[in-house]
Amino acid sequence: MRIHVSRTGGFAGIERHAEVDTAGRADAHEWHALAERAVAAGRGTPPVGVPDGFSYTITVDGTRVYCADPRLTDEQRSLIRRVLKEGA
């Protein structure tokens, strides 16, 4: 499973992108479960965010959803944090 996260917005407007490929990872099942829950709570179109807030695009194996601060679910926040931290 490939999980890609893009973050835009914020005060400086700097974009960040990261991707994690779960193939061969010992913790792949954890990533899959978290990604499925995060995508299920996402939107098909970009939501209206707040001034200087972050907007996110989460893509999991070709399925793309959108979400934005401050209305992230716990699963979305956790997945975004993990991908941006571990992704290359």
N, C-alpha and C. Protein backbone atom coordinates (compact mmCIF):
# COMPACT_ATOMS: atom_id res chain seq x y z
N MET A 1 0.85 -1.17 0.00
CA MET A 1 0.00 0.00 0.00
C MET A 1 0.89 1.24 0.00
N ARG A 2 0.57 2.17 -0.89
CA ARG A 2 1.28 3.45 -0.92
C ARG A 2 0.37 4.52 -0.33
N ILE A 3 0.92 5.26 0.63
CA ILE A 3 0.17 6.32 1.30
C ILE A 3 0.94 7.62 1.06
N HIS A 4 0.28 8.57 0.41
CA HIS A 4 0.89 9.85 0.09
C HIS A 4 0.11 10.96 0.78
N VAL A 5 0.83 11.89 1.40
CA VAL A 5 0.20 13.03 2.06
C VAL A 5 0.83 14.31 1.51
N SER A 6 -0.04 15.27 1.16
CA SER A 6 0.40 16.61 0.77
C SER A 6 -0.22 17.60 1.74
N ARG A 7 0.60 18.52 2.22
CA ARG A 7 0.11 19.56 3.13
C ARG A 7 0.36 20.92 2.49
N THR A 8 -0.67 21.74 2.44
CA THR A 8 -0.54 23.09 1.91
C THR A 8 -1.12 24.07 2.92
N GLY A 9 -0.81 25.34 2.70
CA GLY A 9 -1.36 26.38 3.57
C GLY A 9 -0.42 26.73 4.70
N GLY A 10 -1.01 27.14 5.81
CA GLY A 10 -0.21 27.59 6.94
C GLY A 10 0.21 29.03 6.74
N PHE A 11 0.81 29.60 7.74
CA PHE A 11 1.20 31.00 7.71
C PHE A 11 2.19 31.29 6.58
N ALA A 12 3.16 30.40 6.39
CA ALA A 12 4.19 30.62 5.37
C ALA A 12 3.79 30.08 4.00
N GLY A 13 2.78 29.25 3.94
CA GLY A 13 2.33 28.69 2.67
C GLY A 13 3.27 27.67 2.05
N ILE A 14 4.11 27.06 2.87
CA ILE A 14 5.07 26.09 2.38
C ILE A 14 4.40 24.72 2.24
N GLU A 15 4.58 24.09 1.09
CA GLU A 15 4.00 22.78 0.84
C GLU A 15 4.96 21.69 1.30
N ARG A 16 4.39 20.61 1.82
CA ARG A 16 5.17 19.42 2.18
C ARG A 16 4.50 18.22 1.57
N HIS A 17 5.30 17.28 1.13
CA HIS A 17 4.81 16.04 0.54
C HIS A 17 5.64 14.89 1.11
N ALA A 18 5.00 13.78 1.37
CA ALA A 18 5.72 12.60 1.82
C ALA A 18 4.91 11.37 1.43
N GLU A 19 5.62 10.25 1.30
CA GLU A 19 4.96 9.01 0.92
C GLU A 19 5.59 7.85 1.69
N VAL A 20 4.74 6.91 2.07
CA VAL A 20 5.20 5.69 2.73
C VAL A 20 4.68 4.51 1.93
N ASP A 21 5.55 3.58 1.64
CA ASP A 21 5.17 2.32 1.00
C ASP A 21 5.22 1.26 2.09
N THR A 22 4.08 0.64 2.37
CA THR A 22 4.01 -0.30 3.48
C THR A 22 4.47 -1.71 3.12
N ALA A 23 4.77 -1.95 1.85
CA ALA A 23 5.20 -3.29 1.42
C ALA A 23 6.44 -3.72 2.20
N GLY A 24 6.35 -4.90 2.79
CA GLY A 24 7.49 -5.45 3.50
C GLY A 24 7.70 -4.92 4.90
N ARG A 25 6.86 -4.03 5.36
CA ARG A 25 7.02 -3.48 6.71
C ARG A 25 6.36 -4.42 7.71
N ALA A 26 6.99 -4.58 8.85
CA ALA A 26 6.43 -5.43 9.90
C ALA A 26 5.13 -4.83 10.46
N ASP A 27 5.00 -3.52 10.42
CA ASP A 27 3.82 -2.85 10.96
C ASP A 27 2.81 -2.47 9.88
N ALA A 28 2.86 -3.13 8.73
CA ALA A 28 1.99 -2.79 7.60
C ALA A 28 0.52 -2.86 7.96
N HIS A 29 0.13 -3.84 8.75
CA HIS A 29 -1.29 -3.97 9.11
C HIS A 29 -1.79 -2.75 9.89
N GLU A 30 -0.93 -2.17 10.73
CA GLU A 30 -1.30 -0.96 11.47
C GLU A 30 -1.50 0.22 10.52
N TRP A 31 -0.59 0.36 9.56
CA TRP A 31 -0.71 1.43 8.56
C TRP A 31 -1.99 1.26 7.75
N HIS A 32 -2.29 0.04 7.34
CA HIS A 32 -3.47 -0.22 6.51
C HIS A 32 -4.74 0.15 7.26
N ALA A 33 -4.85 -0.29 8.50
CA ALA A 33 -6.06 0.01 9.29
C ALA A 33 -6.21 1.51 9.50
N LEU A 34 -5.13 2.20 9.82
CA LEU A 34 -5.17 3.63 10.04
C LEU A 34 -5.53 4.37 8.75
N ALA A 35 -4.93 3.96 7.64
CA ALA A 35 -5.20 4.61 6.36
C ALA A 35 -6.65 4.42 5.94
N GLU A 36 -7.19 3.23 6.14
CA GLU A 36 -8.59 2.98 5.77
C GLU A 36 -9.54 3.87 6.56
N ARG A 37 -9.29 4.03 7.85
CA ARG A 37 -10.15 4.88 8.68
C ARG A 37 -10.01 6.36 8.30
N ALA A 38 -8.78 6.78 8.01
CA ALA A 38 -8.55 8.18 7.64
C ALA A 38 -9.22 8.50 6.31
N VAL A 39 -9.14 7.61 5.34
CA VAL A 39 -9.75 7.83 4.03
C VAL A 39 -11.28 7.82 4.14
N ALA A 40 -11.80 6.92 4.96
CA ALA A 40 -13.26 6.83 5.12
C ALA A 40 -13.85 8.13 5.65
N ALA A 41 -13.10 8.88 6.43
CA ALA A 41 -13.59 10.13 7.01
C ALA A 41 -13.27 11.35 6.13
N GLY A 42 -12.58 11.14 5.01
CA GLY A 42 -12.19 12.24 4.14
C GLY A 42 -13.32 12.70 3.23
N ARG A 43 -13.06 13.78 2.53
CA ARG A 43 -14.04 14.36 1.60
C ARG A 43 -13.55 14.19 0.18
N GLY A 44 -14.49 14.17 -0.75
CA GLY A 44 -14.15 14.04 -2.16
C GLY A 44 -13.70 15.35 -2.80
N THR A 45 -13.97 16.46 -2.14
CA THR A 45 -13.55 17.78 -2.62
C THR A 45 -12.86 18.51 -1.47
N PRO A 46 -11.96 19.42 -1.78
CA PRO A 46 -11.27 20.15 -0.71
C PRO A 46 -12.26 20.96 0.14
N PRO A 47 -12.19 20.80 1.46
CA PRO A 47 -13.07 21.57 2.34
C PRO A 47 -12.56 23.00 2.50
N VAL A 48 -13.43 23.86 2.95
CA VAL A 48 -13.03 25.23 3.27
C VAL A 48 -12.29 25.17 4.60
N GLY A 49 -11.10 25.68 4.61
CA GLY A 49 -10.30 25.67 5.83
C GLY A 49 -10.44 26.98 6.59
N VAL A 50 -9.50 27.22 7.44
CA VAL A 50 -9.47 28.46 8.22
C VAL A 50 -8.23 29.25 7.78
N PRO A 51 -8.25 30.57 7.97
CA PRO A 51 -7.07 31.36 7.59
C PRO A 51 -5.80 30.82 8.26
N ASP A 52 -4.76 30.69 7.48
CA ASP A 52 -3.46 30.20 7.92
C ASP A 52 -3.49 28.76 8.44
N GLY A 53 -4.56 28.03 8.18
CA GLY A 53 -4.64 26.62 8.57
C GLY A 53 -4.06 25.74 7.48
N PHE A 54 -3.84 24.51 7.80
CA PHE A 54 -3.32 23.55 6.83
C PHE A 54 -4.45 22.79 6.16
N SER A 55 -4.27 22.50 4.89
CA SER A 55 -5.16 21.64 4.13
C SER A 55 -4.34 20.44 3.68
N TYR A 56 -4.98 19.27 3.63
CA TYR A 56 -4.28 18.03 3.34
C TYR A 56 -4.96 17.27 2.22
N THR A 57 -4.14 16.60 1.43
CA THR A 57 -4.61 15.62 0.47
C THR A 57 -3.98 14.29 0.87
N ILE A 58 -4.82 13.29 1.08
CA ILE A 58 -4.35 11.96 1.43
C ILE A 58 -4.70 11.04 0.26
N THR A 59 -3.69 10.37 -0.27
CA THR A 59 -3.91 9.43 -1.37
C THR A 59 -3.42 8.06 -0.93
N VAL A 60 -4.33 7.08 -0.99
CA VAL A 60 -3.99 5.71 -0.61
C VAL A 60 -4.31 4.81 -1.80
N ASP A 61 -3.27 4.29 -2.41
CA ASP A 61 -3.43 3.41 -3.58
C ASP A 61 -4.39 3.99 -4.61
N GLY A 62 -4.22 5.26 -4.92
CA GLY A 62 -5.02 5.90 -5.96
C GLY A 62 -6.32 6.53 -5.49
N THR A 63 -6.76 6.26 -4.28
CA THR A 63 -7.96 6.89 -3.74
C THR A 63 -7.55 8.18 -3.04
N ARG A 64 -8.09 9.29 -3.49
CA ARG A 64 -7.70 10.60 -2.98
C ARG A 64 -8.85 11.23 -2.19
N VAL A 65 -8.53 11.72 -0.99
CA VAL A 65 -9.49 12.46 -0.17
C VAL A 65 -8.83 13.72 0.36
N TYR A 66 -9.66 14.63 0.82
CA TYR A 66 -9.19 15.93 1.30
C TYR A 66 -9.69 16.15 2.72
N CYS A 67 -8.91 16.90 3.49
CA CYS A 67 -9.30 17.29 4.84
C CYS A 67 -8.52 18.54 5.22
N ALA A 68 -8.95 19.21 6.28
CA ALA A 68 -8.30 20.46 6.68
C ALA A 68 -8.42 20.66 8.18
N ASP A 69 -7.43 21.37 8.72
CA ASP A 69 -7.51 21.81 10.11
C ASP A 69 -8.64 22.82 10.21
N PRO A 70 -9.33 22.91 11.25
CA PRO A 70 -9.21 22.17 12.51
C PRO A 70 -10.12 20.96 12.57
N ARG A 71 -10.66 20.52 11.45
CA ARG A 71 -11.65 19.44 11.45
C ARG A 71 -11.06 18.09 11.02
N LEU A 72 -9.88 17.77 11.49
CA LEU A 72 -9.29 16.47 11.22
C LEU A 72 -9.79 15.46 12.25
N THR A 73 -10.03 14.24 11.80
CA THR A 73 -10.34 13.18 12.76
C THR A 73 -9.03 12.76 13.43
N ASP A 74 -9.13 12.04 14.53
CA ASP A 74 -7.93 11.55 15.20
C ASP A 74 -7.11 10.65 14.26
N GLU A 75 -7.81 9.84 13.46
CA GLU A 75 -7.11 8.94 12.53
C GLU A 75 -6.39 9.73 11.45
N GLN A 76 -7.04 10.76 10.90
CA GLN A 76 -6.39 11.59 9.88
C GLN A 76 -5.16 12.27 10.47
N ARG A 77 -5.31 12.86 11.64
CA ARG A 77 -4.18 13.56 12.27
C ARG A 77 -3.02 12.60 12.51
N SER A 78 -3.32 11.40 12.99
CA SER A 78 -2.28 10.42 13.27
C SER A 78 -1.59 9.96 11.98
N LEU A 79 -2.38 9.66 10.95
CA LEU A 79 -1.80 9.22 9.67
C LEU A 79 -0.94 10.32 9.06
N ILE A 80 -1.45 11.54 9.03
CA ILE A 80 -0.69 12.66 8.47
C ILE A 80 0.63 12.83 9.20
N ARG A 81 0.58 12.82 10.51
CA ARG A 81 1.80 13.00 11.32
C ARG A 81 2.81 11.89 11.01
N ARG A 82 2.33 10.64 10.96
CA ARG A 82 3.24 9.52 10.71
C ARG A 82 3.84 9.57 9.32
N VAL A 83 3.05 9.86 8.31
CA VAL A 83 3.57 9.89 6.94
C VAL A 83 4.56 11.03 6.78
N LEU A 84 4.22 12.22 7.27
CA LEU A 84 5.14 13.34 7.13
C LEU A 84 6.44 13.13 7.91
N LYS A 85 6.37 12.36 8.98
CA LYS A 85 7.56 12.07 9.77
C LYS A 85 8.44 11.00 9.12
N GLU A 86 7.79 9.92 8.65
CA GLU A 86 8.56 8.76 8.15
C GLU A 86 8.72 8.74 6.64
N GLY A 87 7.88 9.46 5.92
CA GLY A 87 7.92 9.40 4.46
C GLY A 87 9.11 10.11 3.87
N ALA A 88 9.43 9.72 2.68
CA ALA A 88 10.57 10.33 1.98
C ALA A 88 10.07 11.13 0.80
